[in-house]
Amino acid sequence: RHDLPFLMVQLPNFMLDPPYPAESNWAEMREVQLQLSKTIPHTGLAVTIDVGEWNDIHPLNKKVVGERLALQAVRVAYGEKDVISDGPLFHSLSSEGNKLIISFKEGTNNLLPVGKLRGFSLQGADGRVEWAEALIEGNRVIVWNDKISEPVKVRYAWGNNPEGANLRNREGLPASPFQASLTNQ
């Protein structure tokens, strides 16, 4: 059947990451899973970036994984479009001076202010990559690093185990890891 619902669990956080922003095959696979969930009809993705263990691929907290899959099932399989089943989903990127402004898809952009946002990195036009400061402003996130005067790319929760990545919506659902570049807008 072409309308058969398909639900998947995004790879959880696992293994150790270096203390600096780095490439990650796990993050790339999560991005592929996210893109598939956006392009294949009747597909739902449960983000589990916050429930894994550094030393075990299978999250011990199965209840949270099941609850997030259930939200996807209600939306995808049962057609309840008003159910919020996703955390913040990247929509667009723009720049203002040395800052990048991230907007999120309507319906997932009810951002939850949580102390200091963590998990963002910036790449400058010169190729330099640094961890970044981030601030919620309405339904956008403003990202900057004073060492990068011309940022061109942002990543969020980009790692095997992006500990501390804490962007969520008011329903408590985590944002899926993403990367975006001004040149791809």
N, C-alpha and C. Protein backbone atom coordinates (compact mmCIF):
# COMPACT_ATOMS: atom_id res chain seq x y z
N ARG A 1 0.84 -1.18 0.00
CA ARG A 1 0.00 0.00 0.00
C ARG A 1 0.88 1.24 0.00
N HIS A 2 0.52 2.18 -0.81
CA HIS A 2 1.31 3.42 -0.90
C HIS A 2 1.08 4.33 0.31
N ASP A 3 0.03 4.10 1.07
CA ASP A 3 -0.25 4.97 2.22
C ASP A 3 0.04 4.29 3.56
N LEU A 4 0.77 3.19 3.54
CA LEU A 4 1.11 2.48 4.76
C LEU A 4 2.00 3.36 5.64
N PRO A 5 1.62 3.61 6.89
CA PRO A 5 2.45 4.44 7.77
C PRO A 5 3.78 3.76 8.06
N PHE A 6 4.82 4.57 8.13
CA PHE A 6 6.15 4.08 8.48
C PHE A 6 6.71 4.99 9.56
N LEU A 7 7.04 4.40 10.70
CA LEU A 7 7.59 5.16 11.82
C LEU A 7 9.01 4.69 12.07
N MET A 8 9.90 5.64 12.35
CA MET A 8 11.27 5.25 12.65
C MET A 8 11.78 6.06 13.83
N VAL A 9 12.80 5.49 14.47
CA VAL A 9 13.45 6.13 15.60
C VAL A 9 14.80 6.64 15.12
N GLN A 10 15.01 7.94 15.28
CA GLN A 10 16.29 8.52 14.90
C GLN A 10 17.38 7.97 15.81
N LEU A 11 18.57 7.79 15.26
CA LEU A 11 19.68 7.27 16.06
C LEU A 11 19.83 8.09 17.35
N PRO A 12 19.95 7.41 18.48
CA PRO A 12 20.12 8.13 19.75
C PRO A 12 21.56 8.61 19.92
N ASN A 13 21.76 9.38 20.95
CA ASN A 13 23.12 9.78 21.30
C ASN A 13 23.87 8.53 21.76
N PHE A 14 25.15 8.41 21.35
CA PHE A 14 25.93 7.21 21.63
C PHE A 14 27.40 7.53 21.40
N MET A 15 28.26 6.90 22.15
CA MET A 15 29.72 7.03 22.06
C MET A 15 30.17 8.36 22.68
N LEU A 16 31.44 8.64 22.51
CA LEU A 16 32.02 9.87 23.04
C LEU A 16 32.36 10.80 21.89
N ASP A 17 32.27 12.09 22.13
CA ASP A 17 32.64 13.11 21.15
C ASP A 17 33.87 13.86 21.65
N PRO A 18 34.64 14.43 20.73
CA PRO A 18 35.74 15.29 21.17
C PRO A 18 35.17 16.58 21.78
N PRO A 19 35.98 17.35 22.49
CA PRO A 19 35.49 18.57 23.12
C PRO A 19 35.32 19.74 22.15
N TYR A 20 35.55 19.53 20.88
CA TYR A 20 35.45 20.58 19.87
C TYR A 20 34.46 20.13 18.80
N PRO A 21 33.88 21.05 18.03
CA PRO A 21 32.97 20.66 16.95
C PRO A 21 33.70 19.80 15.92
N ALA A 22 33.12 18.68 15.55
CA ALA A 22 33.79 17.75 14.65
C ALA A 22 32.79 17.09 13.71
N GLU A 23 33.32 16.45 12.68
CA GLU A 23 32.48 15.66 11.78
C GLU A 23 31.94 14.45 12.53
N SER A 24 30.81 13.93 12.07
CA SER A 24 30.20 12.79 12.74
C SER A 24 29.37 11.99 11.74
N ASN A 25 29.74 10.73 11.55
CA ASN A 25 28.94 9.86 10.69
C ASN A 25 27.55 9.64 11.28
N TRP A 26 27.46 9.60 12.61
CA TRP A 26 26.17 9.42 13.25
C TRP A 26 25.25 10.61 12.98
N ALA A 27 25.81 11.80 13.06
CA ALA A 27 25.00 13.00 12.78
C ALA A 27 24.54 13.00 11.32
N GLU A 28 25.42 12.58 10.42
CA GLU A 28 25.03 12.51 9.00
C GLU A 28 23.90 11.52 8.80
N MET A 29 23.96 10.37 9.49
CA MET A 29 22.88 9.38 9.37
C MET A 29 21.58 9.93 9.94
N ARG A 30 21.66 10.67 11.05
CA ARG A 30 20.45 11.29 11.60
C ARG A 30 19.84 12.27 10.60
N GLU A 31 20.71 13.01 9.91
CA GLU A 31 20.21 13.96 8.92
C GLU A 31 19.51 13.23 7.77
N VAL A 32 20.05 12.10 7.35
CA VAL A 32 19.40 11.30 6.31
C VAL A 32 18.03 10.82 6.80
N GLN A 33 17.97 10.35 8.03
CA GLN A 33 16.68 9.91 8.58
C GLN A 33 15.67 11.05 8.59
N LEU A 34 16.12 12.23 9.00
CA LEU A 34 15.23 13.40 9.03
C LEU A 34 14.74 13.73 7.62
N GLN A 35 15.63 13.75 6.65
CA GLN A 35 15.23 14.08 5.28
C GLN A 35 14.25 13.05 4.73
N LEU A 36 14.48 11.77 5.02
CA LEU A 36 13.53 10.74 4.59
C LEU A 36 12.16 10.96 5.19
N SER A 37 12.12 11.33 6.47
CA SER A 37 10.82 11.54 7.12
C SER A 37 10.08 12.73 6.53
N LYS A 38 10.81 13.67 5.95
CA LYS A 38 10.18 14.84 5.34
C LYS A 38 9.71 14.57 3.91
N THR A 39 10.36 13.63 3.22
CA THR A 39 10.08 13.45 1.80
C THR A 39 9.21 12.24 1.49
N ILE A 40 9.18 11.25 2.36
CA ILE A 40 8.37 10.06 2.10
C ILE A 40 7.03 10.24 2.81
N PRO A 41 5.93 10.19 2.05
CA PRO A 41 4.60 10.38 2.66
C PRO A 41 4.32 9.33 3.75
N HIS A 42 3.54 9.73 4.73
CA HIS A 42 3.07 8.84 5.80
C HIS A 42 4.22 8.30 6.65
N THR A 43 5.23 9.14 6.86
CA THR A 43 6.40 8.74 7.64
C THR A 43 6.54 9.64 8.86
N GLY A 44 6.87 9.04 9.99
CA GLY A 44 7.11 9.79 11.22
C GLY A 44 8.46 9.44 11.79
N LEU A 45 9.09 10.40 12.43
CA LEU A 45 10.42 10.22 13.01
C LEU A 45 10.41 10.62 14.48
N ALA A 46 10.74 9.69 15.35
CA ALA A 46 10.87 9.97 16.78
C ALA A 46 12.32 10.34 17.06
N VAL A 47 12.54 11.57 17.50
CA VAL A 47 13.89 12.05 17.80
C VAL A 47 14.27 11.56 19.20
N THR A 48 15.45 10.92 19.30
CA THR A 48 15.90 10.36 20.58
C THR A 48 17.31 10.82 20.92
N ILE A 49 17.66 12.00 20.49
CA ILE A 49 19.00 12.53 20.70
C ILE A 49 19.33 12.72 22.19
N ASP A 50 18.32 12.67 23.02
CA ASP A 50 18.50 12.97 24.45
C ASP A 50 18.26 11.78 25.38
N VAL A 51 18.03 10.59 24.84
CA VAL A 51 17.70 9.46 25.72
C VAL A 51 18.70 8.32 25.66
N GLY A 52 19.75 8.45 24.86
CA GLY A 52 20.72 7.38 24.71
C GLY A 52 21.75 7.33 25.83
N GLU A 53 22.63 6.38 25.72
CA GLU A 53 23.73 6.18 26.67
C GLU A 53 25.03 6.26 25.88
N TRP A 54 26.07 6.81 26.46
CA TRP A 54 27.33 6.93 25.74
C TRP A 54 27.92 5.56 25.42
N ASN A 55 27.58 4.54 26.24
CA ASN A 55 28.22 3.24 26.09
C ASN A 55 27.25 2.13 25.69
N ASP A 56 26.04 2.49 25.24
CA ASP A 56 25.06 1.47 24.85
C ASP A 56 24.17 2.05 23.75
N ILE A 57 24.18 1.41 22.61
CA ILE A 57 23.40 1.90 21.46
C ILE A 57 21.90 1.87 21.74
N HIS A 58 21.46 1.00 22.64
CA HIS A 58 20.03 0.88 22.93
C HIS A 58 19.69 1.68 24.18
N PRO A 59 18.90 2.75 24.02
CA PRO A 59 18.56 3.58 25.19
C PRO A 59 17.89 2.75 26.29
N LEU A 60 18.28 3.01 27.51
CA LEU A 60 17.65 2.34 28.65
C LEU A 60 16.24 2.87 28.88
N ASN A 61 16.01 4.14 28.54
CA ASN A 61 14.72 4.78 28.77
C ASN A 61 13.78 4.50 27.59
N LYS A 62 13.28 3.29 27.54
CA LYS A 62 12.41 2.87 26.43
C LYS A 62 11.05 3.57 26.48
N LYS A 63 10.63 3.97 27.66
CA LYS A 63 9.32 4.62 27.80
C LYS A 63 9.26 5.90 26.97
N VAL A 64 10.30 6.74 27.05
CA VAL A 64 10.32 7.99 26.29
C VAL A 64 10.32 7.70 24.79
N VAL A 65 11.09 6.71 24.37
CA VAL A 65 11.12 6.33 22.95
C VAL A 65 9.72 5.91 22.51
N GLY A 66 9.06 5.08 23.31
CA GLY A 66 7.71 4.63 22.98
C GLY A 66 6.70 5.77 22.95
N GLU A 67 6.81 6.70 23.90
CA GLU A 67 5.88 7.84 23.91
C GLU A 67 6.05 8.70 22.66
N ARG A 68 7.28 8.91 22.24
CA ARG A 68 7.52 9.73 21.04
C ARG A 68 7.06 9.01 19.79
N LEU A 69 7.23 7.70 19.73
CA LEU A 69 6.70 6.93 18.60
C LEU A 69 5.17 6.98 18.60
N ALA A 70 4.56 6.92 19.78
CA ALA A 70 3.10 6.97 19.87
C ALA A 70 2.57 8.31 19.35
N LEU A 71 3.25 9.41 19.66
CA LEU A 71 2.84 10.71 19.12
C LEU A 71 2.91 10.71 17.60
N GLN A 72 3.96 10.12 17.05
CA GLN A 72 4.08 10.03 15.59
C GLN A 72 2.96 9.17 15.02
N ALA A 73 2.65 8.06 15.69
CA ALA A 73 1.59 7.17 15.21
C ALA A 73 0.24 7.88 15.20
N VAL A 74 -0.05 8.64 16.24
CA VAL A 74 -1.33 9.36 16.30
C VAL A 74 -1.43 10.33 15.12
N ARG A 75 -0.33 11.02 14.81
CA ARG A 75 -0.35 11.98 13.71
C ARG A 75 -0.35 11.28 12.35
N VAL A 76 0.57 10.33 12.16
CA VAL A 76 0.77 9.72 10.83
C VAL A 76 -0.28 8.66 10.53
N ALA A 77 -0.47 7.71 11.44
CA ALA A 77 -1.35 6.58 11.17
C ALA A 77 -2.82 6.91 11.39
N TYR A 78 -3.11 7.78 12.36
CA TYR A 78 -4.50 8.09 12.69
C TYR A 78 -4.96 9.44 12.18
N GLY A 79 -4.05 10.18 11.56
CA GLY A 79 -4.42 11.43 10.90
C GLY A 79 -4.76 12.59 11.80
N GLU A 80 -4.36 12.54 13.05
CA GLU A 80 -4.64 13.64 13.99
C GLU A 80 -3.61 14.75 13.76
N LYS A 81 -3.91 15.64 12.85
CA LYS A 81 -2.96 16.67 12.42
C LYS A 81 -2.68 17.72 13.50
N ASP A 82 -3.56 17.85 14.49
CA ASP A 82 -3.34 18.84 15.55
C ASP A 82 -2.39 18.36 16.64
N VAL A 83 -2.03 17.08 16.61
CA VAL A 83 -1.11 16.54 17.61
C VAL A 83 0.30 17.03 17.31
N ILE A 84 0.96 17.57 18.31
CA ILE A 84 2.35 18.01 18.14
C ILE A 84 3.23 16.80 18.42
N SER A 85 3.83 16.28 17.36
CA SER A 85 4.63 15.06 17.48
C SER A 85 6.11 15.31 17.21
N ASP A 86 6.45 16.53 16.83
CA ASP A 86 7.84 16.86 16.51
C ASP A 86 8.33 18.00 17.39
N GLY A 87 9.61 17.95 17.71
CA GLY A 87 10.26 19.09 18.33
C GLY A 87 10.53 20.13 17.24
N PRO A 88 11.26 21.18 17.57
CA PRO A 88 11.57 22.21 16.57
C PRO A 88 12.27 21.61 15.34
N LEU A 89 11.73 21.92 14.15
CA LEU A 89 12.31 21.45 12.89
C LEU A 89 12.83 22.65 12.11
N PHE A 90 14.08 22.58 11.71
CA PHE A 90 14.71 23.67 10.97
C PHE A 90 13.89 24.03 9.74
N HIS A 91 13.76 25.34 9.49
CA HIS A 91 13.06 25.83 8.30
C HIS A 91 13.96 26.69 7.42
N SER A 92 14.60 27.71 8.00
CA SER A 92 15.42 28.60 7.17
C SER A 92 16.52 29.25 7.99
N LEU A 93 17.48 29.82 7.26
CA LEU A 93 18.64 30.46 7.87
C LEU A 93 18.88 31.79 7.18
N SER A 94 19.15 32.82 7.98
CA SER A 94 19.50 34.13 7.44
C SER A 94 20.62 34.70 8.31
N SER A 95 21.16 35.83 7.88
CA SER A 95 22.25 36.43 8.65
C SER A 95 21.96 37.90 8.93
N GLU A 96 22.49 38.35 10.05
CA GLU A 96 22.48 39.76 10.44
C GLU A 96 23.84 40.04 11.05
N GLY A 97 24.72 40.66 10.29
CA GLY A 97 26.07 40.93 10.78
C GLY A 97 26.82 39.65 11.06
N ASN A 98 27.31 39.50 12.29
CA ASN A 98 28.07 38.29 12.65
C ASN A 98 27.18 37.22 13.30
N LYS A 99 25.87 37.33 13.09
CA LYS A 99 24.93 36.37 13.69
C LYS A 99 24.15 35.65 12.60
N LEU A 100 23.82 34.40 12.88
CA LEU A 100 22.91 33.65 12.02
C LEU A 100 21.59 33.51 12.75
N ILE A 101 20.51 33.64 11.99
CA ILE A 101 19.16 33.56 12.55
C ILE A 101 18.49 32.32 11.99
N ILE A 102 18.07 31.44 12.89
CA ILE A 102 17.44 30.18 12.50
C ILE A 102 15.94 30.29 12.75
N SER A 103 15.16 29.96 11.73
CA SER A 103 13.70 29.89 11.86
C SER A 103 13.29 28.42 11.79
N PHE A 104 12.17 28.12 12.42
CA PHE A 104 11.71 26.74 12.49
C PHE A 104 10.35 26.59 11.83
N LYS A 105 10.08 25.36 11.38
CA LYS A 105 8.83 25.04 10.69
C LYS A 105 7.63 25.38 11.57
N GLU A 106 6.64 25.99 10.95
CA GLU A 106 5.40 26.34 11.65
C GLU A 106 4.82 25.09 12.29
N GLY A 107 4.35 25.23 13.51
CA GLY A 107 3.79 24.10 14.23
C GLY A 107 4.79 23.39 15.12
N THR A 108 6.09 23.61 14.86
CA THR A 108 7.12 23.01 15.71
C THR A 108 7.94 24.10 16.38
N ASN A 109 7.55 25.36 16.15
CA ASN A 109 8.40 26.48 16.55
C ASN A 109 8.00 27.13 17.87
N ASN A 110 7.26 26.44 18.68
CA ASN A 110 6.88 26.96 19.99
C ASN A 110 8.04 26.67 20.95
N LEU A 111 9.12 27.44 20.81
CA LEU A 111 10.38 27.15 21.49
C LEU A 111 10.29 27.36 23.00
N LEU A 112 10.92 26.46 23.72
CA LEU A 112 10.92 26.52 25.18
C LEU A 112 12.20 27.19 25.65
N PRO A 113 12.08 28.34 26.29
CA PRO A 113 13.28 28.97 26.85
C PRO A 113 13.83 28.11 27.99
N VAL A 114 15.10 27.77 27.89
CA VAL A 114 15.75 26.93 28.91
C VAL A 114 17.07 27.54 29.27
N GLY A 115 17.28 28.33 30.16
CA GLY A 115 18.63 28.79 30.47
C GLY A 115 19.50 28.97 29.24
N LYS A 116 20.73 28.54 29.34
CA LYS A 116 21.69 28.69 28.25
C LYS A 116 21.51 27.57 27.22
N LEU A 117 21.29 27.96 25.95
CA LEU A 117 21.20 26.97 24.88
C LEU A 117 22.58 26.41 24.59
N ARG A 118 22.63 25.10 24.38
CA ARG A 118 23.89 24.44 24.07
C ARG A 118 23.72 23.56 22.84
N GLY A 119 24.85 23.26 22.19
CA GLY A 119 24.84 22.33 21.08
C GLY A 119 25.00 22.96 19.71
N PHE A 120 25.18 24.28 19.63
CA PHE A 120 25.32 24.96 18.35
C PHE A 120 26.79 25.21 18.04
N SER A 121 27.14 25.07 16.76
CA SER A 121 28.47 25.46 16.30
C SER A 121 28.31 26.28 15.02
N LEU A 122 29.29 27.13 14.77
CA LEU A 122 29.31 27.98 13.58
C LEU A 122 30.58 27.74 12.79
N GLN A 123 30.44 27.88 11.48
CA GLN A 123 31.61 27.88 10.60
C GLN A 123 31.67 29.24 9.92
N GLY A 124 32.86 29.82 9.91
CA GLY A 124 33.04 31.10 9.25
C GLY A 124 33.40 30.93 7.78
N ALA A 125 33.36 32.03 7.04
CA ALA A 125 33.72 32.02 5.62
C ALA A 125 35.16 31.55 5.43
N ASP A 126 35.99 31.73 6.45
CA ASP A 126 37.39 31.31 6.38
C ASP A 126 37.57 29.83 6.73
N GLY A 127 36.48 29.11 7.03
CA GLY A 127 36.55 27.69 7.35
C GLY A 127 36.68 27.39 8.84
N ARG A 128 36.92 28.39 9.64
CA ARG A 128 37.06 28.20 11.09
C ARG A 128 35.73 27.74 11.68
N VAL A 129 35.80 26.75 12.58
CA VAL A 129 34.61 26.22 13.24
C VAL A 129 34.78 26.35 14.74
N GLU A 130 33.75 26.89 15.40
CA GLU A 130 33.78 27.12 16.85
C GLU A 130 32.41 26.81 17.44
N TRP A 131 32.41 26.44 18.72
CA TRP A 131 31.14 26.38 19.45
C TRP A 131 30.54 27.77 19.45
N ALA A 132 29.23 27.85 19.54
CA ALA A 132 28.56 29.15 19.42
C ALA A 132 27.64 29.42 20.61
N GLU A 133 27.42 30.68 20.84
CA GLU A 133 26.39 31.13 21.77
C GLU A 133 25.06 31.09 21.02
N ALA A 134 23.98 30.88 21.74
CA ALA A 134 22.67 30.85 21.10
C ALA A 134 21.62 31.38 22.07
N LEU A 135 20.64 32.05 21.50
CA LEU A 135 19.61 32.70 22.29
C LEU A 135 18.27 32.57 21.58
N ILE A 136 17.24 32.18 22.32
CA ILE A 136 15.89 32.14 21.75
C ILE A 136 15.34 33.55 21.74
N GLU A 137 14.83 33.95 20.59
CA GLU A 137 14.18 35.25 20.43
C GLU A 137 12.86 35.00 19.72
N GLY A 138 11.79 34.94 20.48
CA GLY A 138 10.49 34.59 19.89
C GLY A 138 10.52 33.15 19.42
N ASN A 139 10.27 32.94 18.14
CA ASN A 139 10.31 31.60 17.55
C ASN A 139 11.53 31.39 16.67
N ARG A 140 12.57 32.17 16.98
CA ARG A 140 13.83 32.03 16.24
C ARG A 140 14.96 31.79 17.25
N VAL A 141 16.06 31.26 16.73
CA VAL A 141 17.27 31.14 17.54
C VAL A 141 18.35 31.97 16.86
N ILE A 142 18.98 32.83 17.64
CA ILE A 142 20.08 33.68 17.17
C ILE A 142 21.37 33.00 17.63
N VAL A 143 22.32 32.81 16.69
CA VAL A 143 23.55 32.09 16.98
C VAL A 143 24.74 32.96 16.58
N TRP A 144 25.78 33.01 17.43
CA TRP A 144 26.96 33.81 17.13
C TRP A 144 28.16 33.31 17.91
N ASN A 145 29.32 33.71 17.47
CA ASN A 145 30.58 33.53 18.19
C ASN A 145 31.44 34.73 17.82
N ASP A 146 31.92 35.47 18.80
CA ASP A 146 32.67 36.70 18.54
C ASP A 146 33.97 36.45 17.78
N LYS A 147 34.45 35.20 17.74
CA LYS A 147 35.66 34.87 16.99
C LYS A 147 35.38 34.69 15.50
N ILE A 148 34.09 34.61 15.14
CA ILE A 148 33.70 34.40 13.73
C ILE A 148 32.94 35.62 13.26
N SER A 149 33.59 36.41 12.41
CA SER A 149 32.97 37.67 11.96
C SER A 149 32.01 37.47 10.80
N GLU A 150 32.21 36.41 10.02
CA GLU A 150 31.35 36.16 8.86
C GLU A 150 30.88 34.71 8.87
N PRO A 151 29.89 34.37 9.70
CA PRO A 151 29.42 32.98 9.75
C PRO A 151 28.65 32.61 8.49
N VAL A 152 28.86 31.37 8.03
CA VAL A 152 28.19 30.91 6.81
C VAL A 152 27.45 29.59 7.01
N LYS A 153 27.72 28.91 8.13
CA LYS A 153 27.11 27.60 8.35
C LYS A 153 26.88 27.40 9.85
N VAL A 154 25.76 26.75 10.16
CA VAL A 154 25.44 26.42 11.55
C VAL A 154 25.12 24.93 11.63
N ARG A 155 25.48 24.35 12.75
CA ARG A 155 25.10 22.97 13.06
C ARG A 155 24.52 22.95 14.47
N TYR A 156 23.55 22.07 14.64
CA TYR A 156 22.98 21.87 15.97
C TYR A 156 23.03 20.38 16.32
N ALA A 157 23.50 20.08 17.51
CA ALA A 157 23.56 18.70 18.02
C ALA A 157 24.29 17.79 17.03
N TRP A 158 25.34 18.32 16.42
CA TRP A 158 26.06 17.59 15.39
C TRP A 158 27.20 16.82 16.02
N GLY A 159 26.93 15.59 16.36
CA GLY A 159 27.95 14.74 16.95
C GLY A 159 27.38 13.36 17.20
N ASN A 160 28.25 12.44 17.59
CA ASN A 160 27.77 11.10 17.95
C ASN A 160 26.91 11.17 19.20
N ASN A 161 27.37 11.95 20.17
CA ASN A 161 26.70 12.07 21.46
C ASN A 161 26.72 13.53 21.88
N PRO A 162 25.89 14.35 21.26
CA PRO A 162 25.93 15.80 21.56
C PRO A 162 25.34 16.12 22.93
N GLU A 163 26.08 15.75 23.95
CA GLU A 163 25.62 15.98 25.32
C GLU A 163 25.32 17.45 25.55
N GLY A 164 24.24 17.71 26.21
CA GLY A 164 23.90 19.07 26.56
C GLY A 164 23.07 19.80 25.51
N ALA A 165 22.94 19.26 24.30
CA ALA A 165 22.10 19.91 23.29
C ALA A 165 20.68 19.97 23.86
N ASN A 166 20.12 21.16 23.98
CA ASN A 166 18.89 21.28 24.77
C ASN A 166 17.78 22.12 24.14
N LEU A 167 17.76 22.26 22.84
CA LEU A 167 16.68 23.00 22.18
C LEU A 167 15.43 22.12 22.13
N ARG A 168 14.34 22.63 22.67
CA ARG A 168 13.07 21.90 22.74
C ARG A 168 11.91 22.84 22.45
N ASN A 169 10.75 22.23 22.21
CA ASN A 169 9.54 23.04 22.16
C ASN A 169 8.84 22.96 23.51
N ARG A 170 7.75 23.68 23.65
CA ARG A 170 7.05 23.73 24.95
C ARG A 170 6.45 22.39 25.35
N GLU A 171 6.31 21.48 24.40
CA GLU A 171 5.82 20.14 24.72
C GLU A 171 6.95 19.25 25.24
N GLY A 172 8.17 19.77 25.25
CA GLY A 172 9.32 19.02 25.75
C GLY A 172 9.99 18.15 24.72
N LEU A 173 9.57 18.24 23.47
CA LEU A 173 10.17 17.42 22.41
C LEU A 173 11.45 18.07 21.90
N PRO A 174 12.52 17.28 21.78
CA PRO A 174 13.80 17.85 21.36
C PRO A 174 13.85 18.15 19.87
N ALA A 175 14.65 19.15 19.54
CA ALA A 175 14.90 19.46 18.13
C ALA A 175 15.76 18.36 17.53
N SER A 176 15.48 18.03 16.29
CA SER A 176 16.33 17.08 15.58
C SER A 176 17.63 17.77 15.22
N PRO A 177 18.76 17.06 15.28
CA PRO A 177 20.02 17.65 14.83
C PRO A 177 19.89 18.11 13.38
N PHE A 178 20.59 19.20 13.05
CA PHE A 178 20.56 19.72 11.68
C PHE A 178 21.82 20.51 11.40
N GLN A 179 22.04 20.73 10.11
CA GLN A 179 23.07 21.66 9.66
C GLN A 179 22.47 22.48 8.53
N ALA A 180 22.91 23.72 8.42
CA ALA A 180 22.40 24.60 7.37
C ALA A 180 23.49 25.59 7.00
N SER A 181 23.47 25.95 5.74
CA SER A 181 24.45 26.88 5.21
C SER A 181 23.74 28.00 4.48
N LEU A 182 24.30 29.20 4.55
CA LEU A 182 23.71 30.33 3.82
C LEU A 182 23.72 30.10 2.33
N THR A 183 24.68 29.35 1.83
CA THR A 183 24.77 29.11 0.38
C THR A 183 23.71 28.14 -0.10
N ASN A 184 23.09 27.38 0.80
CA ASN A 184 22.06 26.42 0.41
C ASN A 184 20.65 26.95 0.58
N GLN A 185 20.49 28.23 0.84
CA GLN A 185 19.17 28.81 1.08
C GLN A 185 18.46 29.11 -0.21
